[in-house]
Amino acid sequence: MIEEGNCPICHNSDFATTWQGRITVVEPDKSFLAKKSGISKEGDYAIRVR
């Protein structure tokens, strides 16, 4: 997780402060959660569960 600067994946600097968990995607092409979330690159992602 990064706390300041830009996201290395989407290059956005607008980070949410209300995330509630995270997922680690190792093989995005084989991951159900990555596909449902639109994730195409390996990495750690903050998530918000509703």
N, C-alpha and C. Protein backbone atom coordinates (compact mmCIF):
# COMPACT_ATOMS: atom_id res chain seq x y z
N MET A 1 0.83 -1.16 0.00
CA MET A 1 0.00 0.00 0.00
C MET A 1 0.89 1.24 0.00
N ILE A 2 0.41 2.24 -0.68
CA ILE A 2 1.13 3.51 -0.68
C ILE A 2 0.24 4.57 -0.03
N GLU A 3 0.85 5.51 0.63
CA GLU A 3 0.08 6.52 1.35
C GLU A 3 0.17 7.90 0.73
N GLU A 4 1.19 8.14 -0.07
CA GLU A 4 1.29 9.42 -0.75
C GLU A 4 1.99 9.22 -2.08
N GLY A 5 1.89 10.21 -2.94
CA GLY A 5 2.44 10.09 -4.27
C GLY A 5 1.38 9.60 -5.24
N ASN A 6 1.80 8.90 -6.27
CA ASN A 6 0.88 8.38 -7.28
C ASN A 6 0.85 6.86 -7.25
N CYS A 7 -0.30 6.32 -7.58
CA CYS A 7 -0.46 4.87 -7.69
C CYS A 7 0.42 4.36 -8.83
N PRO A 8 1.22 3.32 -8.59
CA PRO A 8 2.08 2.81 -9.65
C PRO A 8 1.31 2.11 -10.77
N ILE A 9 0.04 1.80 -10.54
CA ILE A 9 -0.75 1.10 -11.55
C ILE A 9 -1.60 2.06 -12.37
N CYS A 10 -2.38 2.92 -11.71
CA CYS A 10 -3.27 3.82 -12.45
C CYS A 10 -2.75 5.25 -12.49
N HIS A 11 -1.68 5.54 -11.75
CA HIS A 11 -1.02 6.86 -11.70
C HIS A 11 -1.92 7.95 -11.10
N ASN A 12 -2.95 7.56 -10.39
CA ASN A 12 -3.85 8.51 -9.74
C ASN A 12 -3.26 8.90 -8.39
N SER A 13 -3.51 10.12 -7.96
CA SER A 13 -3.02 10.56 -6.65
C SER A 13 -4.17 10.81 -5.68
N ASP A 14 -5.39 10.51 -6.09
CA ASP A 14 -6.57 10.71 -5.26
C ASP A 14 -6.91 9.39 -4.55
N PHE A 15 -6.43 9.24 -3.32
CA PHE A 15 -6.59 7.99 -2.59
C PHE A 15 -7.77 8.06 -1.62
N ALA A 16 -8.49 6.97 -1.50
CA ALA A 16 -9.59 6.89 -0.55
C ALA A 16 -9.03 6.66 0.85
N THR A 17 -9.68 7.20 1.83
CA THR A 17 -9.25 7.01 3.22
C THR A 17 -10.19 6.07 3.97
N THR A 18 -11.21 5.57 3.28
CA THR A 18 -12.23 4.74 3.95
C THR A 18 -12.18 3.29 3.51
N TRP A 19 -11.05 2.82 3.03
CA TRP A 19 -10.97 1.43 2.62
C TRP A 19 -11.03 0.52 3.84
N GLN A 20 -11.52 -0.71 3.64
CA GLN A 20 -11.74 -1.61 4.76
C GLN A 20 -10.96 -2.92 4.69
N GLY A 21 -10.26 -3.14 3.63
CA GLY A 21 -9.50 -4.37 3.51
C GLY A 21 -8.64 -4.30 2.27
N ARG A 22 -8.00 -5.40 1.97
CA ARG A 22 -7.20 -5.42 0.75
C ARG A 22 -7.16 -6.82 0.18
N ILE A 23 -6.91 -6.86 -1.11
CA ILE A 23 -6.70 -8.14 -1.77
C ILE A 23 -5.35 -8.08 -2.48
N THR A 24 -4.71 -9.22 -2.55
CA THR A 24 -3.46 -9.34 -3.28
C THR A 24 -3.75 -10.19 -4.50
N VAL A 25 -3.51 -9.62 -5.66
CA VAL A 25 -3.75 -10.32 -6.92
C VAL A 25 -2.41 -10.79 -7.46
N VAL A 26 -2.28 -12.11 -7.63
CA VAL A 26 -1.04 -12.69 -8.11
C VAL A 26 -1.17 -13.07 -9.59
N GLU A 27 -2.30 -13.65 -9.95
CA GLU A 27 -2.54 -14.04 -11.34
C GLU A 27 -3.89 -13.44 -11.77
N PRO A 28 -3.90 -12.20 -12.22
CA PRO A 28 -5.17 -11.53 -12.52
C PRO A 28 -6.01 -12.23 -13.58
N ASP A 29 -5.37 -12.90 -14.53
CA ASP A 29 -6.13 -13.59 -15.58
C ASP A 29 -6.86 -14.83 -15.06
N LYS A 30 -6.48 -15.34 -13.90
CA LYS A 30 -7.12 -16.52 -13.32
C LYS A 30 -7.98 -16.19 -12.10
N SER A 31 -7.98 -14.92 -11.68
CA SER A 31 -8.67 -14.52 -10.46
C SER A 31 -10.09 -14.05 -10.73
N PHE A 32 -11.06 -14.67 -10.07
CA PHE A 32 -12.45 -14.26 -10.18
C PHE A 32 -12.63 -12.84 -9.66
N LEU A 33 -12.04 -12.55 -8.49
CA LEU A 33 -12.17 -11.21 -7.90
C LEU A 33 -11.51 -10.15 -8.77
N ALA A 34 -10.38 -10.45 -9.35
CA ALA A 34 -9.71 -9.48 -10.23
C ALA A 34 -10.59 -9.17 -11.44
N LYS A 35 -11.18 -10.19 -12.01
CA LYS A 35 -12.05 -9.97 -13.17
C LYS A 35 -13.27 -9.14 -12.79
N LYS A 36 -13.90 -9.45 -11.67
CA LYS A 36 -15.08 -8.70 -11.22
C LYS A 36 -14.74 -7.26 -10.87
N SER A 37 -13.50 -7.02 -10.44
CA SER A 37 -13.08 -5.69 -10.03
C SER A 37 -12.41 -4.89 -11.15
N GLY A 38 -12.20 -5.52 -12.29
CA GLY A 38 -11.54 -4.83 -13.39
C GLY A 38 -10.04 -4.69 -13.22
N ILE A 39 -9.45 -5.59 -12.44
CA ILE A 39 -8.01 -5.55 -12.17
C ILE A 39 -7.28 -6.40 -13.19
N SER A 40 -6.28 -5.83 -13.84
CA SER A 40 -5.55 -6.58 -14.87
C SER A 40 -4.06 -6.70 -14.57
N LYS A 41 -3.61 -6.11 -13.45
CA LYS A 41 -2.19 -6.18 -13.10
C LYS A 41 -2.03 -6.75 -11.70
N GLU A 42 -0.92 -7.46 -11.47
CA GLU A 42 -0.61 -7.99 -10.15
C GLU A 42 -0.41 -6.85 -9.16
N GLY A 43 -0.73 -7.11 -7.91
CA GLY A 43 -0.47 -6.12 -6.88
C GLY A 43 -1.44 -6.20 -5.72
N ASP A 44 -1.25 -5.30 -4.76
CA ASP A 44 -2.13 -5.17 -3.60
C ASP A 44 -3.13 -4.06 -3.88
N TYR A 45 -4.40 -4.32 -3.58
CA TYR A 45 -5.46 -3.37 -3.85
C TYR A 45 -6.30 -3.17 -2.61
N ALA A 46 -6.55 -1.91 -2.28
CA ALA A 46 -7.44 -1.59 -1.17
C ALA A 46 -8.87 -1.81 -1.64
N ILE A 47 -9.72 -2.35 -0.77
CA ILE A 47 -11.11 -2.58 -1.13
C ILE A 47 -12.04 -2.00 -0.07
N ARG A 48 -13.22 -1.73 -0.49
CA ARG A 48 -14.26 -1.29 0.44
C ARG A 48 -15.43 -2.24 0.27
N VAL A 49 -15.78 -2.93 1.31
CA VAL A 49 -16.86 -3.91 1.27
C VAL A 49 -18.14 -3.23 1.71
N ARG A 50 -19.20 -3.41 0.92
CA ARG A 50 -20.49 -2.80 1.28
C ARG A 50 -21.51 -3.87 1.52
